[in-house]
């Protein structure tokens, strides 16, 4: 069988497995007690299963195992992904402490690094490559754990984390494919297909939530693919490409930290001032808020693809303009201070749940 046809079949397999196994995951969630009960802070009015991530987790694992890439780094992604999903699933069922969840994330990150998922160098925008030396291990560790938590933070509306992750994975796949990273590209497209099979059950009004197991798994795999497909590339400004691809979760997390410092509140204290909260405060509906963020993510993806082929001086200008737009937009809707948005009318319509 031609290789391209095999890749297409495996991508379709990932979609099919996720789509047809999500109803099974819903039943398992009720049996295990992995449910999200409504309260005064949440929009949903009925008990919701929160183990939907099991469907795209199984789909990704099956399709990737069939590929059997001849590289130990993929074993690191699979083993680390299994660890982080199981810890997240236990949290969905038993409500683990934040420290236990963090230990699980750290163990998954170390596992991936042990198998070679490490950034050894970054692109120097002014002259060639810059070796990280002893900094490669701590920076890789912080990147994996940071992106994992960033995806978890944006899981606040139906279909939001899944859609943003799918757009990011698709962008990584395109960039990797254009630069000859076929294995990374196909793996990224498999992840996209697995998420796509799950989203019909998760988009508003959702029949299931992905849970911490699902969101942590997506963040972990995206962080690893970014290292393998973009941050390891010798292409110009490759350091910035994964950051732009994951712009929504990264900047949302960054603004949350700034906002909480401004309020003199603990950094890990939950609030209702993430991007999706601010859009709903402007009067956007649940569905429209998610679609707007999808559009922003797709825009970031387009910028990332462009940057991967842009000369350094031009890339620096594009990045500067993009950063300016992000800062101005975030300030206008109150993401720095948590104050009411400067545009539109604030609507007392809380999101589905409050994240860390």
C-alpha atoms as a PDB file:
ATOM      1  CA  UNK A   1       0.000   0.000   0.000  1.00  0.00           C
ATOM      2  CA  UNK A   2       1.402   3.445  -0.922  1.00  0.00           C
ATOM      3  CA  UNK A   3       2.584   5.381   2.115  1.00  0.00           C
ATOM      4  CA  UNK A   4       0.362   8.404   1.447  1.00  0.00           C
ATOM      5  CA  UNK A   5      -2.754   6.231   1.301  1.00  0.00           C
ATOM      6  CA  UNK A   6      -1.748   4.581   4.585  1.00  0.00           C
ATOM      7  CA  UNK A   7      -1.400   7.993   6.232  1.00  0.00           C
ATOM      8  CA  UNK A   8      -4.832   9.067   4.991  1.00  0.00           C
ATOM      9  CA  UNK A   9      -6.421   5.837   6.196  1.00  0.00           C
ATOM     10  CA  UNK A  10      -4.895   6.237   9.652  1.00  0.00           C
ATOM     11  CA  UNK A  11      -6.104   9.826   9.879  1.00  0.00           C
ATOM     12  CA  UNK A  12      -9.607   8.638   8.959  1.00  0.00           C
ATOM     13  CA  UNK A  13      -9.245   5.819  11.491  1.00  0.00           C
ATOM     14  CA  UNK A  14      -8.470   8.319  14.246  1.00  0.00           C
ATOM     15  CA  UNK A  15     -11.604  10.297  13.373  1.00  0.00           C
ATOM     16  CA  UNK A  16     -13.794   7.192  13.275  1.00  0.00           C
ATOM     17  CA  UNK A  17     -12.497   5.777  16.553  1.00  0.00           C
ATOM     18  CA  UNK A  18     -13.025   9.090  18.351  1.00  0.00           C
ATOM     19  CA  UNK A  19     -16.475   9.645  16.865  1.00  0.00           C
ATOM     20  CA  UNK A  20     -17.862   6.201  17.619  1.00  0.00           C
ATOM     21  CA  UNK A  21     -16.175   5.800  21.008  1.00  0.00           C
ATOM     22  CA  UNK A  22     -17.322   9.111  22.513  1.00  0.00           C
ATOM     23  CA  UNK A  23     -20.793   7.705  23.410  1.00  0.00           C
ATOM     24  CA  UNK A  24     -18.993   4.825  25.116  1.00  0.00           C
ATOM     25  CA  UNK A  25     -16.807   7.306  27.021  1.00  0.00           C
ATOM     26  CA  UNK A  26     -19.968   9.089  28.171  1.00  0.00           C
ATOM     27  CA  UNK A  27     -21.356   5.864  29.629  1.00  0.00           C
ATOM     28  CA  UNK A  28     -18.030   5.072  31.314  1.00  0.00           C
ATOM     29  CA  UNK A  29     -17.968   8.549  32.862  1.00  0.00           C
ATOM     30  CA  UNK A  30     -21.331   8.015  34.548  1.00  0.00           C
ATOM     31  CA  UNK A  31     -20.297   4.584  35.807  1.00  0.00           C
ATOM     32  CA  UNK A  32     -17.008   5.879  37.260  1.00  0.00           C
ATOM     33  CA  UNK A  33     -18.523   9.045  38.693  1.00  0.00           C
ATOM     34  CA  UNK A  34     -16.528  11.370  36.435  1.00  0.00           C
ATOM     35  CA  UNK A  35     -19.306  13.936  36.292  1.00  0.00           C
ATOM     36  CA  UNK A  36     -19.633  17.711  36.540  1.00  0.00           C
ATOM     37  CA  UNK A  37     -22.652  18.755  38.603  1.00  0.00           C
ATOM     38  CA  UNK A  38     -24.334  22.128  37.970  1.00  0.00           C
ATOM     39  CA  UNK A  39     -24.076  24.913  40.514  1.00  0.00           C
ATOM     40  CA  UNK A  40     -24.475  28.669  40.670  1.00  0.00           C
ATOM     41  CA  UNK A  41     -21.200  29.267  38.807  1.00  0.00           C
ATOM     42  CA  UNK A  42     -22.001  27.090  35.797  1.00  0.00           C
ATOM     43  CA  UNK A  43     -24.228  27.438  32.768  1.00  0.00           C
ATOM     44  CA  UNK A  44     -25.189  23.808  32.216  1.00  0.00           C
ATOM     45  CA  UNK A  45     -28.370  22.797  34.019  1.00  0.00           C
ATOM     46  CA  UNK A  46     -27.795  19.058  34.159  1.00  0.00           C
ATOM     47  CA  UNK A  47     -25.096  16.673  35.298  1.00  0.00           C
ATOM     48  CA  UNK A  48     -22.465  16.364  32.559  1.00  0.00           C
ATOM     49  CA  UNK A  49     -19.985  13.513  31.994  1.00  0.00           C
ATOM     50  CA  UNK A  50     -16.428  14.807  31.969  1.00  0.00           C
ATOM     51  CA  UNK A  51     -14.484  11.899  30.511  1.00  0.00           C
ATOM     52  CA  UNK A  52     -15.008  12.661  26.820  1.00  0.00           C
ATOM     53  CA  UNK A  53     -11.282  13.087  26.328  1.00  0.00           C
ATOM     54  CA  UNK A  54     -10.971   9.315  26.627  1.00  0.00           C
ATOM     55  CA  UNK A  55     -12.322   9.039  23.063  1.00  0.00           C
ATOM     56  CA  UNK A  56      -9.674  11.134  21.304  1.00  0.00           C
ATOM     57  CA  UNK A  57      -6.991   9.785  23.631  1.00  0.00           C
ATOM     58  CA  UNK A  58      -7.725   6.195  22.534  1.00  0.00           C
ATOM     59  CA  UNK A  59      -8.051   7.260  18.884  1.00  0.00           C
ATOM     60  CA  UNK A  60      -4.669   8.997  18.908  1.00  0.00           C
ATOM     61  CA  UNK A  61      -2.908   6.127  20.664  1.00  0.00           C
ATOM     62  CA  UNK A  62      -4.307   3.479  18.296  1.00  0.00           C
ATOM     63  CA  UNK A  63      -3.497   5.364  15.092  1.00  0.00           C
ATOM     64  CA  UNK A  64      -0.007   6.322  16.282  1.00  0.00           C
ATOM     65  CA  UNK A  65       0.814   2.760  17.356  1.00  0.00           C
ATOM     66  CA  UNK A  66      -0.181   1.467  13.919  1.00  0.00           C
ATOM     67  CA  UNK A  67       2.286   3.910  12.355  1.00  0.00           C
ATOM     68  CA  UNK A  68       5.163   2.532  14.456  1.00  0.00           C
ATOM     69  CA  UNK A  69       7.512   5.438  13.740  1.00  0.00           C
ATOM     70  CA  UNK A  70      11.169   4.394  13.856  1.00  0.00           C
ATOM     71  CA  UNK A  71      12.053   6.981  16.470  1.00  0.00           C
ATOM     72  CA  UNK A  72      12.206   6.808  20.256  1.00  0.00           C
ATOM     73  CA  UNK A  73      10.791  10.311  20.643  1.00  0.00           C
ATOM     74  CA  UNK A  74       7.365   9.070  19.585  1.00  0.00           C
ATOM     75  CA  UNK A  75       7.567   6.448  22.329  1.00  0.00           C
ATOM     76  CA  UNK A  76       8.211   9.311  24.718  1.00  0.00           C
ATOM     77  CA  UNK A  77       5.083  11.122  23.532  1.00  0.00           C
ATOM     78  CA  UNK A  78       2.969   7.993  23.844  1.00  0.00           C
ATOM     79  CA  UNK A  79       4.217   7.011  27.305  1.00  0.00           C
ATOM     80  CA  UNK A  80       4.111  10.580  28.595  1.00  0.00           C
ATOM     81  CA  UNK A  81       0.657  11.031  27.100  1.00  0.00           C
ATOM     82  CA  UNK A  82      -0.611   7.900  28.833  1.00  0.00           C
ATOM     83  CA  UNK A  83       0.780   9.093  32.172  1.00  0.00           C
ATOM     84  CA  UNK A  84      -0.710  12.563  31.940  1.00  0.00           C
ATOM     85  CA  UNK A  85      -4.096  11.312  30.740  1.00  0.00           C
ATOM     86  CA  UNK A  86      -4.402   8.742  33.541  1.00  0.00           C
ATOM     87  CA  UNK A  87      -3.558  11.369  36.167  1.00  0.00           C
ATOM     88  CA  UNK A  88      -6.105  13.736  34.640  1.00  0.00           C
ATOM     89  CA  UNK A  89      -8.736  10.984  34.489  1.00  0.00           C
ATOM     90  CA  UNK A  90      -8.185  10.203  38.173  1.00  0.00           C
ATOM     91  CA  UNK A  91      -8.661  13.896  38.879  1.00  0.00           C
ATOM     92  CA  UNK A  92     -11.932  13.873  36.921  1.00  0.00           C
ATOM     93  CA  UNK A  93     -13.145  11.023  39.132  1.00  0.00           C
ATOM     94  CA  UNK A  94     -11.603  11.732  42.540  1.00  0.00           C
ATOM     95  CA  UNK A  95     -10.708  15.465  42.435  1.00  0.00           C
ATOM     96  CA  UNK A  96      -6.974  15.182  43.124  1.00  0.00           C
ATOM     97  CA  UNK A  97      -5.034  17.973  44.784  1.00  0.00           C
ATOM     98  CA  UNK A  98      -3.235  20.483  42.528  1.00  0.00           C
ATOM     99  CA  UNK A  99       0.128  19.188  43.715  1.00  0.00           C
ATOM    100  CA  UNK A 100      -0.654  15.607  42.712  1.00  0.00           C
ATOM    101  CA  UNK A 101      -1.731  16.823  39.257  1.00  0.00           C
ATOM    102  CA  UNK A 102       1.451  18.862  38.947  1.00  0.00           C
ATOM    103  CA  UNK A 103       3.555  15.832  39.855  1.00  0.00           C
ATOM    104  CA  UNK A 104       1.804  13.885  37.105  1.00  0.00           C
ATOM    105  CA  UNK A 105       2.525  16.644  34.580  1.00  0.00           C
ATOM    106  CA  UNK A 106       6.166  16.756  35.639  1.00  0.00           C
ATOM    107  CA  UNK A 107       6.512  12.980  35.345  1.00  0.00           C
ATOM    108  CA  UNK A 108       5.032  13.049  31.839  1.00  0.00           C
ATOM    109  CA  UNK A 109       7.384  15.859  30.816  1.00  0.00           C
ATOM    110  CA  UNK A 110      10.443  14.038  32.175  1.00  0.00           C
ATOM    111  CA  UNK A 111       9.350  10.872  30.351  1.00  0.00           C
ATOM    112  CA  UNK A 112       9.154  12.691  27.021  1.00  0.00           C
ATOM    113  CA  UNK A 113      12.524  14.340  27.633  1.00  0.00           C
ATOM    114  CA  UNK A 114      14.111  10.987  28.521  1.00  0.00           C
ATOM    115  CA  UNK A 115      13.153   9.708  25.069  1.00  0.00           C
ATOM    116  CA  UNK A 116      14.625  12.739  23.326  1.00  0.00           C
ATOM    117  CA  UNK A 117      11.891  15.388  23.178  1.00  0.00           C
ATOM    118  CA  UNK A 118      14.325  18.205  23.960  1.00  0.00           C
ATOM    119  CA  UNK A 119      15.064  21.613  22.459  1.00  0.00           C
ATOM    120  CA  UNK A 120      18.839  21.717  21.967  1.00  0.00           C
ATOM    121  CA  UNK A 121      18.999  24.989  20.075  1.00  0.00           C
ATOM    122  CA  UNK A 122      16.875  27.904  18.947  1.00  0.00           C
ATOM    123  CA  UNK A 123      17.168  30.190  15.984  1.00  0.00           C
ATOM    124  CA  UNK A 124      19.114  33.380  16.546  1.00  0.00           C
ATOM    125  CA  UNK A 125      17.105  35.996  14.599  1.00  0.00           C
ATOM    126  CA  UNK A 126      20.335  37.843  13.827  1.00  0.00           C
ATOM    127  CA  UNK A 127      22.892  35.143  13.072  1.00  0.00           C
ATOM    128  CA  UNK A 128      22.308  31.392  12.713  1.00  0.00           C
ATOM    129  CA  UNK A 129      21.554  28.989  15.550  1.00  0.00           C
ATOM    130  CA  UNK A 130      21.952  29.509  19.272  1.00  0.00           C
ATOM    131  CA  UNK A 131      22.810  26.453  21.366  1.00  0.00           C
ATOM    132  CA  UNK A 132      20.940  26.289  24.673  1.00  0.00           C
ATOM    133  CA  UNK A 133      23.532  24.110  26.381  1.00  0.00           C
ATOM    134  CA  UNK A 134      22.607  23.431  30.004  1.00  0.00           C
ATOM    135  CA  UNK A 135      19.427  25.479  29.604  1.00  0.00           C
ATOM    136  CA  UNK A 136      17.918  22.993  27.136  1.00  0.00           C
ATOM    137  CA  UNK A 137      16.551  20.656  29.823  1.00  0.00           C
ATOM    138  CA  UNK A 138      14.897  23.235  32.137  1.00  0.00           C
ATOM    139  CA  UNK A 139      13.491  25.214  29.205  1.00  0.00           C
ATOM    140  CA  UNK A 140      12.058  22.079  27.593  1.00  0.00           C
ATOM    141  CA  UNK A 141      10.553  21.038  30.917  1.00  0.00           C
ATOM    142  CA  UNK A 142       8.954  24.445  31.496  1.00  0.00           C
ATOM    143  CA  UNK A 143       7.617  24.530  27.928  1.00  0.00           C
ATOM    144  CA  UNK A 144       5.894  21.133  28.211  1.00  0.00           C
ATOM    145  CA  UNK A 145       4.396  21.763  31.655  1.00  0.00           C
ATOM    146  CA  UNK A 146       3.472  25.347  30.741  1.00  0.00           C
ATOM    147  CA  UNK A 147       1.645  24.495  27.507  1.00  0.00           C
ATOM    148  CA  UNK A 148      -0.106  21.584  29.215  1.00  0.00           C
ATOM    149  CA  UNK A 149      -1.552  23.948  31.818  1.00  0.00           C
ATOM    150  CA  UNK A 150      -2.302  26.642  29.247  1.00  0.00           C
ATOM    151  CA  UNK A 151      -4.602  24.314  27.282  1.00  0.00           C
ATOM    152  CA  UNK A 152      -6.267  23.280  30.526  1.00  0.00           C
ATOM    153  CA  UNK A 153      -6.913  26.934  31.387  1.00  0.00           C
ATOM    154  CA  UNK A 154      -8.841  27.677  28.202  1.00  0.00           C
ATOM    155  CA  UNK A 155     -11.178  24.704  28.657  1.00  0.00           C
ATOM    156  CA  UNK A 156     -13.968  26.997  29.832  1.00  0.00           C
ATOM    157  CA  UNK A 157     -16.629  26.827  27.114  1.00  0.00           C
ATOM    158  CA  UNK A 158     -18.098  23.974  25.107  1.00  0.00           C
ATOM    159  CA  UNK A 159     -15.760  23.062  22.260  1.00  0.00           C
ATOM    160  CA  UNK A 160     -13.210  25.777  23.047  1.00  0.00           C
ATOM    161  CA  UNK A 161     -10.116  23.815  24.092  1.00  0.00           C
ATOM    162  CA  UNK A 162     -10.773  21.100  21.516  1.00  0.00           C
ATOM    163  CA  UNK A 163     -11.224  23.502  18.617  1.00  0.00           C
ATOM    164  CA  UNK A 164      -8.242  25.673  19.506  1.00  0.00           C
ATOM    165  CA  UNK A 165      -6.079  22.573  19.940  1.00  0.00           C
ATOM    166  CA  UNK A 166      -7.213  21.200  16.567  1.00  0.00           C
ATOM    167  CA  UNK A 167      -6.350  24.469  14.825  1.00  0.00           C
ATOM    168  CA  UNK A 168      -2.944  24.541  16.528  1.00  0.00           C
ATOM    169  CA  UNK A 169      -2.247  20.910  15.606  1.00  0.00           C
ATOM    170  CA  UNK A 170      -3.304  21.513  11.997  1.00  0.00           C
ATOM    171  CA  UNK A 171      -0.945  24.489  11.794  1.00  0.00           C
ATOM    172  CA  UNK A 172       1.911  22.435  13.240  1.00  0.00           C
ATOM    173  CA  UNK A 173       1.158  19.738  10.691  1.00  0.00           C
ATOM    174  CA  UNK A 174       1.282  22.190   7.785  1.00  0.00           C
ATOM    175  CA  UNK A 175       4.506  23.848   8.956  1.00  0.00           C
ATOM    176  CA  UNK A 176       6.158  20.479   9.617  1.00  0.00           C
ATOM    177  CA  UNK A 177       5.066  19.080   6.260  1.00  0.00           C
ATOM    178  CA  UNK A 178       6.367  22.098   4.359  1.00  0.00           C
ATOM    179  CA  UNK A 179       9.737  21.707   6.083  1.00  0.00           C
ATOM    180  CA  UNK A 180      10.047  17.972   5.456  1.00  0.00           C
ATOM    181  CA  UNK A 181       9.049  16.775   8.935  1.00  0.00           C
ATOM    182  CA  UNK A 182       6.662  14.111   7.611  1.00  0.00           C
ATOM    183  CA  UNK A 183       6.397  12.017  10.779  1.00  0.00           C
ATOM    184  CA  UNK A 184       5.541  15.035  12.918  1.00  0.00           C
ATOM    185  CA  UNK A 185       3.075  16.312  10.317  1.00  0.00           C
ATOM    186  CA  UNK A 186       1.162  13.026  10.074  1.00  0.00           C
ATOM    187  CA  UNK A 187       1.076  12.699  13.868  1.00  0.00           C
ATOM    188  CA  UNK A 188      -0.309  16.227  14.134  1.00  0.00           C
ATOM    189  CA  UNK A 189      -3.000  15.500  11.525  1.00  0.00           C
ATOM    190  CA  UNK A 190      -3.944  12.326  13.407  1.00  0.00           C
ATOM    191  CA  UNK A 191      -4.465  14.466  16.512  1.00  0.00           C
ATOM    192  CA  UNK A 192      -6.628  16.869  14.479  1.00  0.00           C
ATOM    193  CA  UNK A 193      -8.762  13.988  13.225  1.00  0.00           C
ATOM    194  CA  UNK A 194      -9.162  12.538  16.724  1.00  0.00           C
ATOM    195  CA  UNK A 195     -10.314  15.903  18.080  1.00  0.00           C
ATOM    196  CA  UNK A 196     -12.656  16.371  15.107  1.00  0.00           C
ATOM    197  CA  UNK A 197     -14.339  13.073  15.918  1.00  0.00           C
ATOM    198  CA  UNK A 198     -14.947  14.264  19.480  1.00  0.00           C
ATOM    199  CA  UNK A 199     -16.095  17.840  18.806  1.00  0.00           C
ATOM    200  CA  UNK A 200     -19.635  16.991  17.567  1.00  0.00           C
ATOM    201  CA  UNK A 201     -20.350  15.815  21.122  1.00  0.00           C
ATOM    202  CA  UNK A 202     -18.526  18.696  22.793  1.00  0.00           C
ATOM    203  CA  UNK A 203     -19.587  21.752  20.786  1.00  0.00           C
ATOM    204  CA  UNK A 204     -22.352  23.872  22.328  1.00  0.00           C
ATOM    205  CA  UNK A 205     -24.674  22.525  23.601  1.00  0.00           C
ATOM    206  CA  UNK A 206     -22.246  19.854  24.739  1.00  0.00           C
ATOM    207  CA  UNK A 207     -23.185  16.279  25.566  1.00  0.00           C
ATOM    208  CA  UNK A 208     -19.869  15.711  27.329  1.00  0.00           C
ATOM    209  CA  UNK A 209     -16.809  17.609  28.557  1.00  0.00           C
ATOM    210  CA  UNK A 210     -13.277  16.450  27.765  1.00  0.00           C
ATOM    211  CA  UNK A 211     -12.234  16.701  31.419  1.00  0.00           C
ATOM    212  CA  UNK A 212      -8.774  17.360  32.823  1.00  0.00           C
ATOM    213  CA  UNK A 213      -7.548  14.089  31.341  1.00  0.00           C
ATOM    214  CA  UNK A 214      -8.431  15.297  27.850  1.00  0.00           C
ATOM    215  CA  UNK A 215      -7.204  18.885  28.185  1.00  0.00           C
ATOM    216  CA  UNK A 216      -3.908  17.874  29.811  1.00  0.00           C
ATOM    217  CA  UNK A 217      -3.331  15.231  27.147  1.00  0.00           C
ATOM    218  CA  UNK A 218      -3.923  17.740  24.346  1.00  0.00           C
ATOM    219  CA  UNK A 219      -1.594  20.287  25.918  1.00  0.00           C
ATOM    220  CA  UNK A 220       1.133  17.710  26.446  1.00  0.00           C
ATOM    221  CA  UNK A 221       1.015  16.338  22.887  1.00  0.00           C
ATOM    222  CA  UNK A 222       0.899  19.832  21.358  1.00  0.00           C
ATOM    223  CA  UNK A 223       3.905  20.909  23.424  1.00  0.00           C
ATOM    224  CA  UNK A 224       5.897  17.861  22.293  1.00  0.00           C
ATOM    225  CA  UNK A 225       4.917  18.228  18.626  1.00  0.00           C
ATOM    226  CA  UNK A 226       5.922  21.888  18.733  1.00  0.00           C
ATOM    227  CA  UNK A 227       9.385  20.881  19.919  1.00  0.00           C
ATOM    228  CA  UNK A 228       9.770  18.150  17.327  1.00  0.00           C
ATOM    229  CA  UNK A 229       8.301  19.923  14.328  1.00  0.00           C
ATOM    230  CA  UNK A 230       9.086  23.604  14.743  1.00  0.00           C
ATOM    231  CA  UNK A 231      11.420  24.401  17.617  1.00  0.00           C
ATOM    232  CA  UNK A 232      13.945  21.847  16.321  1.00  0.00           C
ATOM    233  CA  UNK A 233      13.782  23.215  12.803  1.00  0.00           C
ATOM    234  CA  UNK A 234      16.689  25.211  11.446  1.00  0.00           C
ATOM    235  CA  UNK A 235      14.235  27.511   9.655  1.00  0.00           C
ATOM    236  CA  UNK A 236      14.453  31.187  10.461  1.00  0.00           C
ATOM    237  CA  UNK A 237      12.668  32.412  13.627  1.00  0.00           C
ATOM    238  CA  UNK A 238      11.587  28.843  14.409  1.00  0.00           C
ATOM    239  CA  UNK A 239      11.714  29.821  18.093  1.00  0.00           C
ATOM    240  CA  UNK A 240       8.646  32.024  17.628  1.00  0.00           C
ATOM    241  CA  UNK A 241       6.565  29.770  15.364  1.00  0.00           C
ATOM    242  CA  UNK A 242       5.243  27.421  18.113  1.00  0.00           C
ATOM    243  CA  UNK A 243       4.558  30.420  20.348  1.00  0.00           C
ATOM    244  CA  UNK A 244       2.424  32.028  17.644  1.00  0.00           C
ATOM    245  CA  UNK A 245       0.681  28.729  16.857  1.00  0.00           C
ATOM    246  CA  UNK A 246      -0.306  28.366  20.518  1.00  0.00           C
ATOM    247  CA  UNK A 247      -0.948  32.097  20.855  1.00  0.00           C
ATOM    248  CA  UNK A 248      -4.432  31.874  22.411  1.00  0.00           C
ATOM    249  CA  UNK A 249      -3.589  29.601  25.386  1.00  0.00           C
ATOM    250  CA  UNK A 250      -0.124  31.116  25.915  1.00  0.00           C
ATOM    251  CA  UNK A 251      -1.215  34.766  25.923  1.00  0.00           C
ATOM    252  CA  UNK A 252      -4.379  33.989  27.897  1.00  0.00           C
ATOM    253  CA  UNK A 253      -2.238  32.375  30.590  1.00  0.00           C
ATOM    254  CA  UNK A 254       0.261  35.257  30.490  1.00  0.00           C
ATOM    255  CA  UNK A 255      -2.494  37.850  30.889  1.00  0.00           C
ATOM    256  CA  UNK A 256      -3.992  35.846  33.771  1.00  0.00           C
ATOM    257  CA  UNK A 257      -0.667  35.994  35.626  1.00  0.00           C
ATOM    258  CA  UNK A 258      -0.326  39.756  34.991  1.00  0.00           C
ATOM    259  CA  UNK A 259      -3.934  40.331  36.049  1.00  0.00           C
ATOM    260  CA  UNK A 260      -3.554  38.449  39.311  1.00  0.00           C
ATOM    261  CA  UNK A 261      -0.306  40.223  40.133  1.00  0.00           C
ATOM    262  CA  UNK A 262      -2.099  43.535  39.456  1.00  0.00           C
ATOM    263  CA  UNK A 263      -4.871  42.497  41.854  1.00  0.00           C
ATOM    264  CA  UNK A 264      -2.321  41.199  44.380  1.00  0.00           C
ATOM    265  CA  UNK A 265      -4.096  37.863  44.238  1.00  0.00           C
ATOM    266  CA  UNK A 266      -2.517  34.381  44.248  1.00  0.00           C
ATOM    267  CA  UNK A 267      -1.407  33.421  40.734  1.00  0.00           C
ATOM    268  CA  UNK A 268      -3.318  30.140  40.904  1.00  0.00           C
ATOM    269  CA  UNK A 269      -6.545  31.710  42.159  1.00  0.00           C
ATOM    270  CA  UNK A 270      -9.472  31.080  39.752  1.00  0.00           C
ATOM    271  CA  UNK A 271     -11.129  34.080  38.129  1.00  0.00           C
ATOM    272  CA  UNK A 272     -13.651  34.907  35.417  1.00  0.00           C
ATOM    273  CA  UNK A 273     -11.442  37.154  33.309  1.00  0.00           C
ATOM    274  CA  UNK A 274     -10.046  34.798  30.670  1.00  0.00           C
ATOM    275  CA  UNK A 275     -10.580  35.687  27.016  1.00  0.00           C
ATOM    276  CA  UNK A 276     -13.802  33.712  26.707  1.00  0.00           C
ATOM    277  CA  UNK A 277     -15.166  35.365  29.854  1.00  0.00           C
ATOM    278  CA  UNK A 278     -14.384  38.826  28.482  1.00  0.00           C
ATOM    279  CA  UNK A 279     -16.086  38.080  25.159  1.00  0.00           C
ATOM    280  CA  UNK A 280     -19.223  36.949  26.956  1.00  0.00           C
ATOM    281  CA  UNK A 281     -19.039  40.074  29.098  1.00  0.00           C
ATOM    282  CA  UNK A 282     -19.187  42.039  25.850  1.00  0.00           C
ATOM    283  CA  UNK A 283     -22.533  40.403  25.134  1.00  0.00           C
ATOM    284  CA  UNK A 284     -21.364  37.531  22.938  1.00  0.00           C
ATOM    285  CA  UNK A 285     -23.294  34.279  23.097  1.00  0.00           C
ATOM    286  CA  UNK A 286     -21.654  31.038  24.167  1.00  0.00           C
ATOM    287  CA  UNK A 287     -21.380  29.747  20.604  1.00  0.00           C
ATOM    288  CA  UNK A 288     -20.279  33.071  19.118  1.00  0.00           C
ATOM    289  CA  UNK A 289     -17.539  33.527  21.714  1.00  0.00           C
ATOM    290  CA  UNK A 290     -16.097  30.138  20.801  1.00  0.00           C
ATOM    291  CA  UNK A 291     -16.268  30.843  17.060  1.00  0.00           C
ATOM    292  CA  UNK A 292     -14.517  34.196  17.501  1.00  0.00           C
ATOM    293  CA  UNK A 293     -11.668  32.515  19.377  1.00  0.00           C
ATOM    294  CA  UNK A 294     -11.513  29.884  16.631  1.00  0.00           C
ATOM    295  CA  UNK A 295     -11.083  32.723  14.145  1.00  0.00           C
ATOM    296  CA  UNK A 296      -8.303  34.321  16.179  1.00  0.00           C
ATOM    297  CA  UNK A 297      -6.556  30.946  16.472  1.00  0.00           C
ATOM    298  CA  UNK A 298      -6.812  30.414  12.717  1.00  0.00           C
ATOM    299  CA  UNK A 299      -5.343  33.887  12.164  1.00  0.00           C
ATOM    300  CA  UNK A 300      -2.415  33.048  14.440  1.00  0.00           C
ATOM    301  CA  UNK A 301      -1.986  29.812  12.505  1.00  0.00           C
ATOM    302  CA  UNK A 302      -1.797  31.707   9.222  1.00  0.00           C
ATOM    303  CA  UNK A 303       0.770  34.082  10.684  1.00  0.00           C
ATOM    304  CA  UNK A 304       2.837  31.134  11.932  1.00  0.00           C
ATOM    305  CA  UNK A 305       2.893  29.506   8.495  1.00  0.00           C
ATOM    306  CA  UNK A 306       3.935  32.822   6.947  1.00  0.00           C
ATOM    307  CA  UNK A 307       6.654  33.358   9.543  1.00  0.00           C
ATOM    308  CA  UNK A 308       8.192  29.967   8.821  1.00  0.00           C
ATOM    309  CA  UNK A 309       9.064  31.194   5.315  1.00  0.00           C
ATOM    310  CA  UNK A 310       9.842  34.832   6.093  1.00  0.00           C
ATOM    311  CA  UNK A 311      13.299  36.399   6.267  1.00  0.00           C
ATOM    312  CA  UNK A 312      14.422  37.536   9.696  1.00  0.00           C
ATOM    313  CA  UNK A 313      13.994  41.348   9.390  1.00  0.00           C
ATOM    314  CA  UNK A 314      10.513  40.984   7.910  1.00  0.00           C
ATOM    315  CA  UNK A 315       9.597  38.361  10.504  1.00  0.00           C
ATOM    316  CA  UNK A 316      10.643  40.660  13.332  1.00  0.00           C
ATOM    317  CA  UNK A 317       8.374  43.390  11.958  1.00  0.00           C
ATOM    318  CA  UNK A 318       5.437  41.001  11.641  1.00  0.00           C
ATOM    319  CA  UNK A 319       5.959  39.751  15.192  1.00  0.00           C
ATOM    320  CA  UNK A 320       6.172  43.289  16.553  1.00  0.00           C
ATOM    321  CA  UNK A 321       2.916  44.294  14.847  1.00  0.00           C
ATOM    322  CA  UNK A 322       1.190  41.123  16.011  1.00  0.00           C
ATOM    323  CA  UNK A 323       2.300  41.687  19.599  1.00  0.00           C
ATOM    324  CA  UNK A 324       1.065  45.298  19.457  1.00  0.00           C
ATOM    325  CA  UNK A 325      -2.358  44.195  18.227  1.00  0.00           C
ATOM    326  CA  UNK A 326      -2.592  41.539  20.964  1.00  0.00           C
ATOM    327  CA  UNK A 327      -1.649  43.961  23.749  1.00  0.00           C
ATOM    328  CA  UNK A 328      -4.056  46.676  22.556  1.00  0.00           C
ATOM    329  CA  UNK A 329      -6.897  44.176  22.158  1.00  0.00           C
ATOM    330  CA  UNK A 330      -6.280  42.610  25.568  1.00  0.00           C
ATOM    331  CA  UNK A 331      -6.226  46.025  27.222  1.00  0.00           C
ATOM    332  CA  UNK A 332      -9.485  47.078  25.538  1.00  0.00           C
ATOM    333  CA  UNK A 333     -11.404  44.096  26.905  1.00  0.00           C
ATOM    334  CA  UNK A 334      -9.870  44.336  30.384  1.00  0.00           C
ATOM    335  CA  UNK A 335      -7.691  41.220  30.433  1.00  0.00           C
ATOM    336  CA  UNK A 336      -4.823  43.006  32.194  1.00  0.00           C
ATOM    337  CA  UNK A 337      -6.812  44.419  35.106  1.00  0.00           C
ATOM    338  CA  UNK A 338     -10.028  42.422  35.163  1.00  0.00           C
ATOM    339  CA  UNK A 339     -12.018  45.641  34.847  1.00  0.00           C
ATOM    340  CA  UNK A 340     -15.239  45.724  32.759  1.00  0.00           C
ATOM    341  CA  UNK A 341     -14.612  45.818  28.989  1.00  0.00           C
ATOM    342  CA  UNK A 342     -14.375  49.244  27.395  1.00  0.00           C
ATOM    343  CA  UNK A 343     -16.594  48.167  24.499  1.00  0.00           C
ATOM    344  CA  UNK A 344     -20.204  46.996  24.551  1.00  0.00           C
ATOM    345  CA  UNK A 345     -22.364  46.208  27.529  1.00  0.00           C
ATOM    346  CA  UNK A 346     -21.349  43.806  30.215  1.00  0.00           C
ATOM    347  CA  UNK A 347     -23.733  40.896  30.531  1.00  0.00           C
ATOM    348  CA  UNK A 348     -24.100  38.920  33.739  1.00  0.00           C
ATOM    349  CA  UNK A 349     -23.817  35.572  31.974  1.00  0.00           C
ATOM    350  CA  UNK A 350     -21.172  33.341  33.569  1.00  0.00           C
ATOM    351  CA  UNK A 351     -19.258  30.739  31.575  1.00  0.00           C
ATOM    352  CA  UNK A 352     -19.667  27.002  31.990  1.00  0.00           C
ATOM    353  CA  UNK A 353     -17.095  26.721  34.743  1.00  0.00           C
ATOM    354  CA  UNK A 354     -14.221  28.582  36.294  1.00  0.00           C
ATOM    355  CA  UNK A 355     -10.682  27.478  35.540  1.00  0.00           C
ATOM    356  CA  UNK A 356      -7.444  27.913  37.337  1.00  0.00           C
END
